[in-house]
Amino acid sequence: AEFNRKYGGHIGFASHAHWKGKEWPEFVKNYAPW
């Protein structure tokens, strides 16, 4: 949900490129411990 908000706004969605690119693994690495 936060990844979608970060890349797509409050009611939008992250693009396919964001999910398949480097953004998603980097996001999980930084945000999951938080």
PDB file of all heavy atoms in Angstrom:
ATOM      1  N   ALA A   1       0.832  -1.213   0.000  1.00  0.00           N
ATOM      2  CA  ALA A   1       0.000   0.000   0.000  1.00  0.00           C
ATOM      3  C   ALA A   1       0.860   1.253   0.000  1.00  0.00           C
ATOM      4  O   ALA A   1       0.590   2.217  -0.735  1.00  0.00           O
ATOM      5  CB  ALA A   1      -0.930  -0.003   1.216  1.00  0.00           C
ATOM      6  N   GLU A   2       1.918   1.268   0.800  1.00  0.00           N
ATOM      7  CA  GLU A   2       2.787   2.438   0.862  1.00  0.00           C
ATOM      8  C   GLU A   2       3.599   2.596  -0.421  1.00  0.00           C
ATOM      9  O   GLU A   2       3.850   3.716  -0.879  1.00  0.00           O
ATOM     10  CB  GLU A   2       3.718   2.334   2.073  1.00  0.00           C
ATOM     11  CG  GLU A   2       4.740   3.458   2.201  1.00  0.00           C
ATOM     12  CD  GLU A   2       4.137   4.864   2.292  1.00  0.00           C
ATOM     13  OE1 GLU A   2       2.904   5.010   2.460  1.00  0.00           O
ATOM     14  OE2 GLU A   2       4.924   5.837   2.203  1.00  0.00           O
ATOM     15  N   PHE A   3       3.988   1.487  -1.030  1.00  0.00           N
ATOM     16  CA  PHE A   3       4.709   1.556  -2.306  1.00  0.00           C
ATOM     17  C   PHE A   3       3.803   2.156  -3.379  1.00  0.00           C
ATOM     18  O   PHE A   3       4.234   3.004  -4.179  1.00  0.00           O
ATOM     19  CB  PHE A   3       5.169   0.150  -2.713  1.00  0.00           C
ATOM     20  CG  PHE A   3       6.101   0.129  -3.885  1.00  0.00           C
ATOM     21  CD1 PHE A   3       7.414   0.573  -3.768  1.00  0.00           C
ATOM     22  CD2 PHE A   3       5.686  -0.347  -5.122  1.00  0.00           C
ATOM     23  CE1 PHE A   3       8.288   0.549  -4.842  1.00  0.00           C
ATOM     24  CE2 PHE A   3       6.546  -0.373  -6.214  1.00  0.00           C
ATOM     25  CZ  PHE A   3       7.851   0.075  -6.075  1.00  0.00           C
ATOM     26  N   ASN A   4       2.526   1.737  -3.400  1.00  0.00           N
ATOM     27  CA  ASN A   4       1.564   2.328  -4.341  1.00  0.00           C
ATOM     28  C   ASN A   4       1.387   3.821  -4.086  1.00  0.00           C
ATOM     29  O   ASN A   4       1.316   4.622  -5.015  1.00  0.00           O
ATOM     30  CB  ASN A   4       0.210   1.609  -4.234  1.00  0.00           C
ATOM     31  CG  ASN A   4       0.134   0.362  -5.087  1.00  0.00           C
ATOM     32  OD1 ASN A   4       0.650   0.335  -6.200  1.00  0.00           O
ATOM     33  ND2 ASN A   4      -0.489  -0.683  -4.571  1.00  0.00           N
ATOM     34  N   ARG A   5       1.294   4.206  -2.810  1.00  0.00           N
ATOM     35  CA  ARG A   5       1.116   5.631  -2.479  1.00  0.00           C
ATOM     36  C   ARG A   5       2.340   6.433  -2.892  1.00  0.00           C
ATOM     37  O   ARG A   5       2.234   7.523  -3.457  1.00  0.00           O
ATOM     38  CB  ARG A   5       0.858   5.810  -0.974  1.00  0.00           C
ATOM     39  CG  ARG A   5       0.486   7.250  -0.598  1.00  0.00           C
ATOM     40  CD  ARG A   5       0.836   7.571   0.834  1.00  0.00           C
ATOM     41  NE  ARG A   5       2.276   7.541   1.059  1.00  0.00           N
ATOM     42  CZ  ARG A   5       3.110   8.508   0.732  1.00  0.00           C
ATOM     43  NH1 ARG A   5       2.667   9.609   0.129  1.00  0.00           N
ATOM     44  NH2 ARG A   5       4.406   8.407   0.982  1.00  0.00           N
ATOM     45  N   LYS A   6       3.511   5.877  -2.632  1.00  0.00           N
ATOM     46  CA  LYS A   6       4.768   6.578  -2.910  1.00  0.00           C
ATOM     47  C   LYS A   6       4.930   6.859  -4.406  1.00  0.00           C
ATOM     48  O   LYS A   6       5.388   7.929  -4.801  1.00  0.00           O
ATOM     49  CB  LYS A   6       5.939   5.727  -2.398  1.00  0.00           C
ATOM     50  CG  LYS A   6       7.295   6.411  -2.407  1.00  0.00           C
ATOM     51  CD  LYS A   6       8.335   5.487  -1.783  1.00  0.00           C
ATOM     52  CE  LYS A   6       9.723   6.100  -1.801  1.00  0.00           C
ATOM     53  NZ  LYS A   6       9.840   7.268  -0.927  1.00  0.00           N
ATOM     54  N   TYR A   7       4.510   5.900  -5.229  1.00  0.00           N
ATOM     55  CA  TYR A   7       4.717   6.047  -6.670  1.00  0.00           C
ATOM     56  C   TYR A   7       3.434   6.322  -7.448  1.00  0.00           C
ATOM     57  O   TYR A   7       3.491   6.545  -8.656  1.00  0.00           O
ATOM     58  CB  TYR A   7       5.401   4.792  -7.230  1.00  0.00           C
ATOM     59  CG  TYR A   7       6.843   4.688  -6.787  1.00  0.00           C
ATOM     60  CD1 TYR A   7       7.206   3.866  -5.721  1.00  0.00           C
ATOM     61  CD2 TYR A   7       7.836   5.436  -7.406  1.00  0.00           C
ATOM     62  CE1 TYR A   7       8.525   3.775  -5.294  1.00  0.00           C
ATOM     63  CE2 TYR A   7       9.156   5.353  -6.991  1.00  0.00           C
ATOM     64  CZ  TYR A   7       9.497   4.528  -5.931  1.00  0.00           C
ATOM     65  OH  TYR A   7      10.804   4.461  -5.511  1.00  0.00           O
ATOM     66  N   GLY A   8       2.274   6.314  -6.752  1.00  0.00           N
ATOM     67  CA  GLY A   8       1.021   6.553  -7.464  1.00  0.00           C
ATOM     68  C   GLY A   8       0.056   7.488  -6.777  1.00  0.00           C
ATOM     69  O   GLY A   8      -1.046   7.720  -7.268  1.00  0.00           O
ATOM     70  N   GLY A   9       0.433   8.031  -5.604  1.00  0.00           N
ATOM     71  CA  GLY A   9      -0.455   8.935  -4.883  1.00  0.00           C
ATOM     72  C   GLY A   9      -1.406   8.184  -3.965  1.00  0.00           C
ATOM     73  O   GLY A   9      -1.390   6.955  -3.874  1.00  0.00           O
ATOM     74  N   HIS A  10      -2.288   8.946  -3.260  1.00  0.00           N
ATOM     75  CA  HIS A  10      -3.152   8.362  -2.223  1.00  0.00           C
ATOM     76  C   HIS A  10      -4.110   7.308  -2.762  1.00  0.00           C
ATOM     77  O   HIS A  10      -4.455   6.364  -2.052  1.00  0.00           O
ATOM     78  CB  HIS A  10      -3.940   9.459  -1.512  1.00  0.00           C
ATOM     79  CG  HIS A  10      -3.131  10.198  -0.488  1.00  0.00           C
ATOM     80  ND1 HIS A  10      -2.761   9.627   0.704  1.00  0.00           N
ATOM     81  CD2 HIS A  10      -2.614  11.456  -0.488  1.00  0.00           C
ATOM     82  CE1 HIS A  10      -2.051  10.502   1.400  1.00  0.00           C
ATOM     83  NE2 HIS A  10      -1.946  11.616   0.693  1.00  0.00           N
ATOM     84  N   ILE A  11      -4.593   7.455  -3.993  1.00  0.00           N
ATOM     85  CA  ILE A  11      -5.524   6.460  -4.525  1.00  0.00           C
ATOM     86  C   ILE A  11      -5.037   5.894  -5.860  1.00  0.00           C
ATOM     87  O   ILE A  11      -5.789   5.257  -6.584  1.00  0.00           O
ATOM     88  CB  ILE A  11      -6.954   7.044  -4.691  1.00  0.00           C
ATOM     89  CG1 ILE A  11      -6.943   8.300  -5.571  1.00  0.00           C
ATOM     90  CG2 ILE A  11      -7.568   7.345  -3.342  1.00  0.00           C
ATOM     91  CD1 ILE A  11      -8.329   8.848  -5.868  1.00  0.00           C
ATOM     92  N   GLY A  12      -3.754   6.110  -6.154  1.00  0.00           N
ATOM     93  CA  GLY A  12      -3.195   5.607  -7.405  1.00  0.00           C
ATOM     94  C   GLY A  12      -2.364   4.351  -7.187  1.00  0.00           C
ATOM     95  O   GLY A  12      -2.378   3.742  -6.120  1.00  0.00           O
ATOM     96  N   PHE A  13      -1.622   3.979  -8.220  1.00  0.00           N
ATOM     97  CA  PHE A  13      -0.852   2.740  -8.189  1.00  0.00           C
ATOM     98  C   PHE A  13       0.545   2.956  -8.752  1.00  0.00           C
ATOM     99  O   PHE A  13       0.749   3.765  -9.658  1.00  0.00           O
ATOM    100  CB  PHE A  13      -1.549   1.663  -9.036  1.00  0.00           C
ATOM    101  CG  PHE A  13      -2.864   1.217  -8.480  1.00  0.00           C
ATOM    102  CD1 PHE A  13      -4.025   1.902  -8.798  1.00  0.00           C
ATOM    103  CD2 PHE A  13      -2.945   0.127  -7.633  1.00  0.00           C
ATOM    104  CE1 PHE A  13      -5.245   1.502  -8.284  1.00  0.00           C
ATOM    105  CE2 PHE A  13      -4.158  -0.287  -7.112  1.00  0.00           C
ATOM    106  CZ  PHE A  13      -5.312   0.401  -7.436  1.00  0.00           C
ATOM    107  N   ALA A  14       1.487   2.212  -8.208  1.00  0.00           N
ATOM    108  CA  ALA A  14       2.826   2.181  -8.790  1.00  0.00           C
ATOM    109  C   ALA A  14       2.732   1.503 -10.157  1.00  0.00           C
ATOM    110  O   ALA A  14       1.889   0.637 -10.379  1.00  0.00           O
ATOM    111  CB  ALA A  14       3.778   1.405  -7.882  1.00  0.00           C
ATOM    112  N   SER A  15       3.596   1.896 -11.071  1.00  0.00           N
ATOM    113  CA  SER A  15       3.575   1.317 -12.416  1.00  0.00           C
ATOM    114  C   SER A  15       4.234  -0.063 -12.409  1.00  0.00           C
ATOM    115  O   SER A  15       4.946  -0.444 -11.471  1.00  0.00           O
ATOM    116  CB  SER A  15       4.323   2.231 -13.390  1.00  0.00           C
ATOM    117  OG  SER A  15       5.716   2.213 -13.088  1.00  0.00           O
ATOM    118  N   HIS A  16       3.995  -0.798 -13.483  1.00  0.00           N
ATOM    119  CA  HIS A  16       4.614  -2.116 -13.638  1.00  0.00           C
ATOM    120  C   HIS A  16       6.138  -1.995 -13.606  1.00  0.00           C
ATOM    121  O   HIS A  16       6.833  -2.850 -13.038  1.00  0.00           O
ATOM    122  CB  HIS A  16       4.152  -2.735 -14.967  1.00  0.00           C
ATOM    123  CG  HIS A  16       4.626  -4.142 -15.181  1.00  0.00           C
ATOM    124  ND1 HIS A  16       4.070  -5.223 -14.530  1.00  0.00           N
ATOM    125  CD2 HIS A  16       5.621  -4.646 -15.970  1.00  0.00           C
ATOM    126  CE1 HIS A  16       4.689  -6.329 -14.911  1.00  0.00           C
ATOM    127  NE2 HIS A  16       5.629  -6.007 -15.775  1.00  0.00           N
ATOM    128  N   ALA A  17       6.650  -0.928 -14.187  1.00  0.00           N
ATOM    129  CA  ALA A  17       8.106  -0.721 -14.219  1.00  0.00           C
ATOM    130  C   ALA A  17       8.671  -0.545 -12.820  1.00  0.00           C
ATOM    131  O   ALA A  17       9.784  -0.997 -12.523  1.00  0.00           O
ATOM    132  CB  ALA A  17       8.435   0.501 -15.080  1.00  0.00           C
ATOM    133  N   HIS A  18       7.906   0.107 -11.934  1.00  0.00           N
ATOM    134  CA  HIS A  18       8.369   0.291 -10.560  1.00  0.00           C
ATOM    135  C   HIS A  18       8.416  -1.044  -9.808  1.00  0.00           C
ATOM    136  O   HIS A  18       9.349  -1.308  -9.046  1.00  0.00           O
ATOM    137  CB  HIS A  18       7.453   1.269  -9.816  1.00  0.00           C
ATOM    138  CG  HIS A  18       7.616   2.690 -10.237  1.00  0.00           C
ATOM    139  ND1 HIS A  18       6.553   3.502 -10.567  1.00  0.00           N
ATOM    140  CD2 HIS A  18       8.724   3.452 -10.397  1.00  0.00           C
ATOM    141  CE1 HIS A  18       6.995   4.701 -10.893  1.00  0.00           C
ATOM    142  NE2 HIS A  18       8.314   4.700 -10.811  1.00  0.00           N
ATOM    143  N   TRP A  19       7.378  -1.875 -10.016  1.00  0.00           N
ATOM    144  CA  TRP A  19       7.337  -3.165  -9.320  1.00  0.00           C
ATOM    145  C   TRP A  19       8.452  -4.085  -9.824  1.00  0.00           C
ATOM    146  O   TRP A  19       9.051  -4.835  -9.033  1.00  0.00           O
ATOM    147  CB  TRP A  19       5.985  -3.853  -9.546  1.00  0.00           C
ATOM    148  CG  TRP A  19       4.843  -3.217  -8.808  1.00  0.00           C
ATOM    149  CD1 TRP A  19       3.874  -2.417  -9.331  1.00  0.00           C
ATOM    150  CD2 TRP A  19       4.555  -3.318  -7.410  1.00  0.00           C
ATOM    151  NE1 TRP A  19       2.993  -2.015  -8.342  1.00  0.00           N
ATOM    152  CE2 TRP A  19       3.382  -2.556  -7.154  1.00  0.00           C
ATOM    153  CE3 TRP A  19       5.163  -3.984  -6.354  1.00  0.00           C
ATOM    154  CZ2 TRP A  19       2.816  -2.446  -5.892  1.00  0.00           C
ATOM    155  CZ3 TRP A  19       4.602  -3.882  -5.084  1.00  0.00           C
ATOM    156  CH2 TRP A  19       3.440  -3.118  -4.862  1.00  0.00           C
ATOM    157  N   LYS A  20       8.729  -4.037 -11.109  1.00  0.00           N
ATOM    158  CA  LYS A  20       9.711  -4.947 -11.688  1.00  0.00           C
ATOM    159  C   LYS A  20      11.129  -4.384 -11.678  1.00  0.00           C
ATOM    160  O   LYS A  20      12.103  -5.108 -11.926  1.00  0.00           O
ATOM    161  CB  LYS A  20       9.323  -5.277 -13.141  1.00  0.00           C
ATOM    162  CG  LYS A  20       8.109  -6.193 -13.257  1.00  0.00           C
ATOM    163  CD  LYS A  20       8.404  -7.574 -12.683  1.00  0.00           C
ATOM    164  CE  LYS A  20       7.305  -8.579 -12.992  1.00  0.00           C
ATOM    165  NZ  LYS A  20       7.602  -9.919 -12.425  1.00  0.00           N
ATOM    166  N   GLY A  21      11.255  -3.083 -11.393  1.00  0.00           N
ATOM    167  CA  GLY A  21      12.566  -2.446 -11.402  1.00  0.00           C
ATOM    168  C   GLY A  21      13.267  -2.552 -10.060  1.00  0.00           C
ATOM    169  O   GLY A  21      12.898  -3.333  -9.183  1.00  0.00           O
ATOM    170  N   LYS A  22      14.272  -1.703  -9.865  1.00  0.00           N
ATOM    171  CA  LYS A  22      15.066  -1.749  -8.637  1.00  0.00           C
ATOM    172  C   LYS A  22      14.345  -1.090  -7.457  1.00  0.00           C
ATOM    173  O   LYS A  22      14.731  -1.293  -6.298  1.00  0.00           O
ATOM    174  CB  LYS A  22      16.403  -1.048  -8.866  1.00  0.00           C
ATOM    175  CG  LYS A  22      16.282   0.446  -9.201  1.00  0.00           C
ATOM    176  CD  LYS A  22      17.637   1.080  -9.423  1.00  0.00           C
ATOM    177  CE  LYS A  22      17.489   2.579  -9.716  1.00  0.00           C
ATOM    178  NZ  LYS A  22      18.782   3.243  -9.956  1.00  0.00           N
ATOM    179  N   GLU A  23      13.284  -0.297  -7.754  1.00  0.00           N
ATOM    180  CA  GLU A  23      12.607   0.463  -6.691  1.00  0.00           C
ATOM    181  C   GLU A  23      11.983  -0.454  -5.633  1.00  0.00           C
ATOM    182  O   GLU A  23      12.092  -0.189  -4.431  1.00  0.00           O
ATOM    183  CB  GLU A  23      11.515   1.369  -7.277  1.00  0.00           C
ATOM    184  CG  GLU A  23      12.023   2.529  -8.118  1.00  0.00           C
ATOM    185  CD  GLU A  23      12.146   2.172  -9.581  1.00  0.00           C
ATOM    186  OE1 GLU A  23      12.064   0.965  -9.915  1.00  0.00           O
ATOM    187  OE2 GLU A  23      12.336   3.091 -10.401  1.00  0.00           O
ATOM    188  N   TRP A  24      11.316  -1.526  -6.067  1.00  0.00           N
ATOM    189  CA  TRP A  24      10.595  -2.387  -5.114  1.00  0.00           C
ATOM    190  C   TRP A  24      11.543  -3.126  -4.160  1.00  0.00           C
ATOM    191  O   TRP A  24      11.360  -3.054  -2.940  1.00  0.00           O
ATOM    192  CB  TRP A  24       9.684  -3.354  -5.872  1.00  0.00           C
ATOM    193  CG  TRP A  24       9.075  -4.427  -5.027  1.00  0.00           C
ATOM    194  CD1 TRP A  24       9.263  -5.775  -5.132  1.00  0.00           C
ATOM    195  CD2 TRP A  24       8.156  -4.260  -3.934  1.00  0.00           C
ATOM    196  NE1 TRP A  24       8.533  -6.441  -4.192  1.00  0.00           N
ATOM    197  CE2 TRP A  24       7.846  -5.547  -3.437  1.00  0.00           C
ATOM    198  CE3 TRP A  24       7.582  -3.141  -3.325  1.00  0.00           C
ATOM    199  CZ2 TRP A  24       6.978  -5.750  -2.355  1.00  0.00           C
ATOM    200  CZ3 TRP A  24       6.708  -3.333  -2.252  1.00  0.00           C
ATOM    201  CH2 TRP A  24       6.419  -4.627  -1.774  1.00  0.00           C
ATOM    202  N   PRO A  25      12.598  -3.834  -4.640  1.00  0.00           N
ATOM    203  CA  PRO A  25      13.508  -4.500  -3.698  1.00  0.00           C
ATOM    204  C   PRO A  25      14.178  -3.517  -2.734  1.00  0.00           C
ATOM    205  O   PRO A  25      14.353  -3.814  -1.544  1.00  0.00           O
ATOM    206  CB  PRO A  25      14.546  -5.176  -4.600  1.00  0.00           C
ATOM    207  CG  PRO A  25      13.991  -5.161  -5.959  1.00  0.00           C
ATOM    208  CD  PRO A  25      12.939  -4.113  -6.031  1.00  0.00           C
ATOM    209  N   GLU A  26      14.523  -2.343  -3.246  1.00  0.00           N
ATOM    210  CA  GLU A  26      15.160  -1.330  -2.398  1.00  0.00           C
ATOM    211  C   GLU A  26      14.181  -0.838  -1.331  1.00  0.00           C
ATOM    212  O   GLU A  26      14.553  -0.636  -0.173  1.00  0.00           O
ATOM    213  CB  GLU A  26      15.623  -0.155  -3.278  1.00  0.00           C
ATOM    214  CG  GLU A  26      16.529   0.848  -2.575  1.00  0.00           C
ATOM    215  CD  GLU A  26      17.893   0.280  -2.229  1.00  0.00           C
ATOM    216  OE1 GLU A  26      18.325  -0.697  -2.861  1.00  0.00           O
ATOM    217  OE2 GLU A  26      18.519   0.815  -1.294  1.00  0.00           O
ATOM    218  N   PHE A  27      12.937  -0.658  -1.729  1.00  0.00           N
ATOM    219  CA  PHE A  27      11.892  -0.211  -0.803  1.00  0.00           C
ATOM    220  C   PHE A  27      11.690  -1.240   0.311  1.00  0.00           C
ATOM    221  O   PHE A  27      11.646  -0.889   1.496  1.00  0.00           O
ATOM    222  CB  PHE A  27      10.589   0.006  -1.580  1.00  0.00           C
ATOM    223  CG  PHE A  27       9.417   0.405  -0.727  1.00  0.00           C
ATOM    224  CD1 PHE A  27       9.201   1.730  -0.384  1.00  0.00           C
ATOM    225  CD2 PHE A  27       8.526  -0.555  -0.265  1.00  0.00           C
ATOM    226  CE1 PHE A  27       8.126   2.095   0.409  1.00  0.00           C
ATOM    227  CE2 PHE A  27       7.455  -0.203   0.526  1.00  0.00           C
ATOM    228  CZ  PHE A  27       7.248   1.125   0.863  1.00  0.00           C
ATOM    229  N   VAL A  28      11.546  -2.508  -0.034  1.00  0.00           N
ATOM    230  CA  VAL A  28      11.338  -3.559   0.974  1.00  0.00           C
ATOM    231  C   VAL A  28      12.529  -3.636   1.928  1.00  0.00           C
ATOM    232  O   VAL A  28      12.360  -3.763   3.150  1.00  0.00           O
ATOM    233  CB  VAL A  28      11.099  -4.923   0.290  1.00  0.00           C
ATOM    234  CG1 VAL A  28      11.066  -6.054   1.323  1.00  0.00           C
ATOM    235  CG2 VAL A  28       9.798  -4.895  -0.493  1.00  0.00           C
ATOM    236  N   LYS A  29      13.725  -3.532   1.379  1.00  0.00           N
ATOM    237  CA  LYS A  29      14.940  -3.593   2.196  1.00  0.00           C
ATOM    238  C   LYS A  29      14.961  -2.492   3.258  1.00  0.00           C
ATOM    239  O   LYS A  29      15.364  -2.723   4.410  1.00  0.00           O
ATOM    240  CB  LYS A  29      16.165  -3.469   1.279  1.00  0.00           C
ATOM    241  CG  LYS A  29      17.493  -3.448   2.008  1.00  0.00           C
ATOM    242  CD  LYS A  29      18.644  -3.231   1.030  1.00  0.00           C
ATOM    243  CE  LYS A  29      19.971  -3.060   1.751  1.00  0.00           C
ATOM    244  NZ  LYS A  29      21.078  -2.782   0.798  1.00  0.00           N
ATOM    245  N   ASN A  30      14.514  -1.282   2.885  1.00  0.00           N
ATOM    246  CA  ASN A  30      14.559  -0.143   3.804  1.00  0.00           C
ATOM    247  C   ASN A  30      13.333  -0.046   4.716  1.00  0.00           C
ATOM    248  O   ASN A  30      13.447   0.361   5.879  1.00  0.00           O
ATOM    249  CB  ASN A  30      14.688   1.162   3.011  1.00  0.00           C
ATOM    250  CG  ASN A  30      16.028   1.273   2.313  1.00  0.00           C
ATOM    251  OD1 ASN A  30      17.033   0.799   2.815  1.00  0.00           O
ATOM    252  ND2 ASN A  30      16.042   1.884   1.137  1.00  0.00           N
ATOM    253  N   TYR A  31      12.153  -0.404   4.197  1.00  0.00           N
ATOM    254  CA  TYR A  31      10.919  -0.166   4.936  1.00  0.00           C
ATOM    255  C   TYR A  31      10.494  -1.336   5.828  1.00  0.00           C
ATOM    256  O   TYR A  31       9.853  -1.132   6.856  1.00  0.00           O
ATOM    257  CB  TYR A  31       9.779   0.177   3.962  1.00  0.00           C
ATOM    258  CG  TYR A  31       9.706   1.633   3.597  1.00  0.00           C
ATOM    259  CD1 TYR A  31      10.707   2.234   2.835  1.00  0.00           C
ATOM    260  CD2 TYR A  31       8.638   2.425   3.998  1.00  0.00           C
ATOM    261  CE1 TYR A  31      10.650   3.573   2.487  1.00  0.00           C
ATOM    262  CE2 TYR A  31       8.561   3.768   3.657  1.00  0.00           C
ATOM    263  CZ  TYR A  31       9.574   4.331   2.901  1.00  0.00           C
ATOM    264  OH  TYR A  31       9.512   5.666   2.561  1.00  0.00           O
ATOM    265  N   ALA A  32      10.794  -2.580   5.426  1.00  0.00           N
ATOM    266  CA  ALA A  32      10.358  -3.731   6.224  1.00  0.00           C
ATOM    267  C   ALA A  32      10.910  -3.696   7.654  1.00  0.00           C
ATOM    268  O   ALA A  32      10.158  -3.929   8.614  1.00  0.00           O
ATOM    269  CB  ALA A  32      10.732  -5.032   5.519  1.00  0.00           C
ATOM    270  N   PRO A  33      12.208  -3.372   7.867  1.00  0.00           N
ATOM    271  CA  PRO A  33      12.705  -3.285   9.251  1.00  0.00           C
ATOM    272  C   PRO A  33      12.019  -2.169  10.037  1.00  0.00           C
ATOM    273  O   PRO A  33      11.848  -2.281  11.264  1.00  0.00           O
ATOM    274  CB  PRO A  33      14.205  -2.991   9.071  1.00  0.00           C
ATOM    275  CG  PRO A  33      14.521  -3.451   7.691  1.00  0.00           C
ATOM    276  CD  PRO A  33      13.287  -3.197   6.890  1.00  0.00           C
ATOM    277  N   TRP A  34      11.623  -1.112   9.346  1.00  0.00           N
ATOM    278  CA  TRP A  34      10.935  -0.006  10.012  1.00  0.00           C
ATOM    279  C   TRP A  34       9.572  -0.458  10.538  1.00  0.00           C
ATOM    280  O   TRP A  34       9.118  -0.013  11.584  1.00  0.00           O
ATOM    281  CB  TRP A  34      10.798   1.179   9.039  1.00  0.00           C
ATOM    282  CG  TRP A  34      10.123   2.391   9.619  1.00  0.00           C
ATOM    283  CD1 TRP A  34       9.961   2.693  10.944  1.00  0.00           C
ATOM    284  CD2 TRP A  34       9.533   3.470   8.891  1.00  0.00           C
ATOM    285  NE1 TRP A  34       9.297   3.894  11.086  1.00  0.00           N
ATOM    286  CE2 TRP A  34       9.022   4.391   9.837  1.00  0.00           C
ATOM    287  CE3 TRP A  34       9.394   3.756   7.538  1.00  0.00           C
ATOM    288  CZ2 TRP A  34       8.374   5.564   9.469  1.00  0.00           C
ATOM    289  CZ3 TRP A  34       8.754   4.934   7.171  1.00  0.00           C
ATOM    290  CH2 TRP A  34       8.250   5.827   8.121  1.00  0.00           C
TER     291      TRP A  34
END
